[in-house]
Amino acid sequence: MDINSIMASQLRSLQSTVQISMLNKSLSRGTSAAIEMLNSLPEQPTVAHPHKGISVDVKA
């Protein structure tokens, strides 16, 4: 193997590692932003089910 092919192989490996690292950081930032957004939402009041437990419709 000549030096050029060794260097090219190492460069491809380094580029792949950098791309994966950048992707992981981007995903982490996106996840953090989504969690922060969900935590900032106001509490939703619990609403009773519109039909459950009110009446029973029995047709014979």
N, C-alpha and C. Protein backbone atom coordinates (compact mmCIF):
# COMPACT_ATOMS: atom_id res chain seq x y z
N MET A 1 0.84 -1.19 0.00
CA MET A 1 0.00 0.00 0.00
C MET A 1 0.88 1.25 0.00
N ASP A 2 0.50 2.17 -0.82
CA ASP A 2 1.29 3.40 -0.82
C ASP A 2 0.71 4.40 0.19
N ILE A 3 1.48 5.42 0.45
CA ILE A 3 1.13 6.40 1.49
C ILE A 3 -0.16 7.15 1.16
N ASN A 4 -0.41 7.39 -0.14
CA ASN A 4 -1.62 8.12 -0.54
C ASN A 4 -2.89 7.35 -0.20
N SER A 5 -2.89 6.06 -0.44
CA SER A 5 -4.09 5.27 -0.14
C SER A 5 -4.30 5.14 1.37
N ILE A 6 -3.21 5.05 2.13
CA ILE A 6 -3.32 4.99 3.60
C ILE A 6 -3.91 6.31 4.12
N MET A 7 -3.39 7.42 3.63
CA MET A 7 -3.87 8.72 4.07
C MET A 7 -5.33 8.95 3.67
N ALA A 8 -5.70 8.51 2.47
CA ALA A 8 -7.08 8.65 2.01
C ALA A 8 -8.03 7.84 2.88
N SER A 9 -7.60 6.63 3.24
CA SER A 9 -8.41 5.79 4.11
C SER A 9 -8.58 6.42 5.49
N GLN A 10 -7.52 6.97 6.04
CA GLN A 10 -7.59 7.62 7.35
C GLN A 10 -8.47 8.87 7.29
N LEU A 11 -8.39 9.60 6.19
CA LEU A 11 -9.21 10.80 6.03
C LEU A 11 -10.69 10.44 5.98
N ARG A 12 -11.03 9.38 5.23
CA ARG A 12 -12.43 8.94 5.17
C ARG A 12 -12.92 8.52 6.55
N SER A 13 -12.07 7.84 7.30
CA SER A 13 -12.44 7.42 8.65
C SER A 13 -12.66 8.62 9.56
N LEU A 14 -11.78 9.60 9.46
CA LEU A 14 -11.91 10.81 10.27
C LEU A 14 -13.16 11.58 9.90
N GLN A 15 -13.45 11.70 8.61
CA GLN A 15 -14.66 12.40 8.17
C GLN A 15 -15.91 11.71 8.70
N SER A 16 -15.92 10.40 8.66
CA SER A 16 -17.06 9.64 9.17
C SER A 16 -17.23 9.87 10.67
N THR A 17 -16.13 9.86 11.41
CA THR A 17 -16.19 10.08 12.84
C THR A 17 -16.71 11.48 13.16
N VAL A 18 -16.25 12.47 12.43
CA VAL A 18 -16.70 13.85 12.65
C VAL A 18 -18.19 13.98 12.32
N GLN A 19 -18.63 13.37 11.24
CA GLN A 19 -20.04 13.45 10.86
C GLN A 19 -20.91 12.81 11.93
N ILE A 20 -20.50 11.67 12.45
CA ILE A 20 -21.27 10.99 13.50
C ILE A 20 -21.30 11.83 14.77
N SER A 21 -20.18 12.43 15.11
CA SER A 21 -20.12 13.29 16.30
C SER A 21 -21.05 14.49 16.15
N MET A 22 -21.04 15.12 14.99
CA MET A 22 -21.91 16.28 14.76
C MET A 22 -23.37 15.86 14.79
N LEU A 23 -23.69 14.71 14.24
CA LEU A 23 -25.06 14.21 14.25
C LEU A 23 -25.52 13.94 15.68
N ASN A 24 -24.67 13.34 16.49
CA ASN A 24 -25.01 13.07 17.89
C ASN A 24 -25.27 14.36 18.65
N LYS A 25 -24.43 15.37 18.44
CA LYS A 25 -24.61 16.66 19.11
C LYS A 25 -25.91 17.31 18.68
N SER A 26 -26.21 17.24 17.39
CA SER A 26 -27.44 17.83 16.87
C SER A 26 -28.66 17.14 17.47
N LEU A 27 -28.64 15.82 17.53
CA LEU A 27 -29.75 15.08 18.12
C LEU A 27 -29.91 15.41 19.59
N SER A 28 -28.80 15.55 20.29
CA SER A 28 -28.84 15.88 21.71
C SER A 28 -29.47 17.26 21.92
N ARG A 29 -29.07 18.24 21.10
CA ARG A 29 -29.64 19.58 21.22
C ARG A 29 -31.14 19.55 20.91
N GLY A 30 -31.52 18.80 19.88
CA GLY A 30 -32.94 18.69 19.51
C GLY A 30 -33.76 18.05 20.62
N THR A 31 -33.20 17.01 21.23
CA THR A 31 -33.89 16.34 22.32
C THR A 31 -34.03 17.27 23.51
N SER A 32 -32.97 17.99 23.84
CA SER A 32 -33.02 18.93 24.97
C SER A 32 -34.06 20.01 24.72
N ALA A 33 -34.12 20.53 23.51
CA ALA A 33 -35.09 21.57 23.19
C ALA A 33 -36.51 21.03 23.28
N ALA A 34 -36.74 19.81 22.83
CA ALA A 34 -38.08 19.22 22.88
C ALA A 34 -38.50 18.99 24.34
N ILE A 35 -37.58 18.51 25.16
CA ILE A 35 -37.90 18.28 26.57
C ILE A 35 -38.20 19.60 27.27
N GLU A 36 -37.41 20.62 26.97
CA GLU A 36 -37.63 21.93 27.57
C GLU A 36 -38.99 22.48 27.15
N MET A 37 -39.34 22.32 25.88
CA MET A 37 -40.63 22.80 25.40
C MET A 37 -41.78 22.06 26.09
N LEU A 38 -41.67 20.74 26.22
CA LEU A 38 -42.72 19.97 26.88
C LEU A 38 -42.86 20.35 28.35
N ASN A 39 -41.74 20.60 29.01
CA ASN A 39 -41.79 20.98 30.42
C ASN A 39 -42.38 22.37 30.61
N SER A 40 -42.28 23.23 29.61
CA SER A 40 -42.79 24.59 29.74
C SER A 40 -44.29 24.69 29.44
N LEU A 41 -44.88 23.62 28.93
CA LEU A 41 -46.31 23.66 28.64
C LEU A 41 -47.10 23.77 29.94
N PRO A 42 -48.20 24.53 29.94
CA PRO A 42 -49.01 24.62 31.16
C PRO A 42 -49.70 23.29 31.44
N GLU A 43 -49.99 23.07 32.69
CA GLU A 43 -50.68 21.84 33.08
C GLU A 43 -52.08 21.81 32.47
N GLN A 44 -52.45 20.69 31.91
CA GLN A 44 -53.77 20.53 31.32
C GLN A 44 -54.73 19.99 32.38
N PRO A 45 -55.90 20.60 32.51
CA PRO A 45 -56.86 20.07 33.49
C PRO A 45 -57.39 18.72 33.03
N THR A 46 -57.66 17.87 33.98
CA THR A 46 -58.22 16.57 33.63
C THR A 46 -59.71 16.74 33.37
N VAL A 47 -60.15 16.21 32.27
CA VAL A 47 -61.55 16.33 31.86
C VAL A 47 -62.17 14.95 31.91
N ALA A 48 -63.37 14.89 32.49
CA ALA A 48 -64.07 13.61 32.57
C ALA A 48 -64.44 13.14 31.17
N HIS A 49 -64.48 11.84 31.00
CA HIS A 49 -64.87 11.26 29.72
C HIS A 49 -66.31 11.65 29.42
N PRO A 50 -66.62 12.05 28.17
CA PRO A 50 -67.96 12.57 27.88
C PRO A 50 -69.08 11.54 28.00
N HIS A 51 -68.79 10.24 27.90
CA HIS A 51 -69.85 9.24 27.92
C HIS A 51 -69.68 8.24 29.05
N LYS A 52 -68.49 8.02 29.47
CA LYS A 52 -68.21 6.95 30.43
C LYS A 52 -68.84 7.24 31.79
N GLY A 53 -69.66 6.29 32.27
CA GLY A 53 -70.25 6.39 33.60
C GLY A 53 -71.46 7.26 33.70
N ILE A 54 -71.92 7.87 32.60
CA ILE A 54 -73.08 8.76 32.67
C ILE A 54 -74.37 7.99 32.45
N SER A 55 -74.43 7.23 31.39
CA SER A 55 -75.65 6.51 31.09
C SER A 55 -75.32 5.23 30.34
N VAL A 56 -76.29 4.32 30.34
CA VAL A 56 -76.11 3.06 29.61
C VAL A 56 -77.26 2.97 28.61
N ASP A 57 -76.90 2.77 27.36
CA ASP A 57 -77.90 2.65 26.30
C ASP A 57 -78.04 1.18 25.96
N VAL A 58 -79.16 0.59 26.39
CA VAL A 58 -79.41 -0.83 26.14
C VAL A 58 -80.58 -0.95 25.20
N LYS A 59 -80.34 -1.53 24.04
CA LYS A 59 -81.41 -1.74 23.06
C LYS A 59 -81.63 -3.23 22.95
N ALA A 60 -82.92 -3.65 23.09
CA ALA A 60 -83.24 -5.07 23.05
C ALA A 60 -83.76 -5.46 21.71
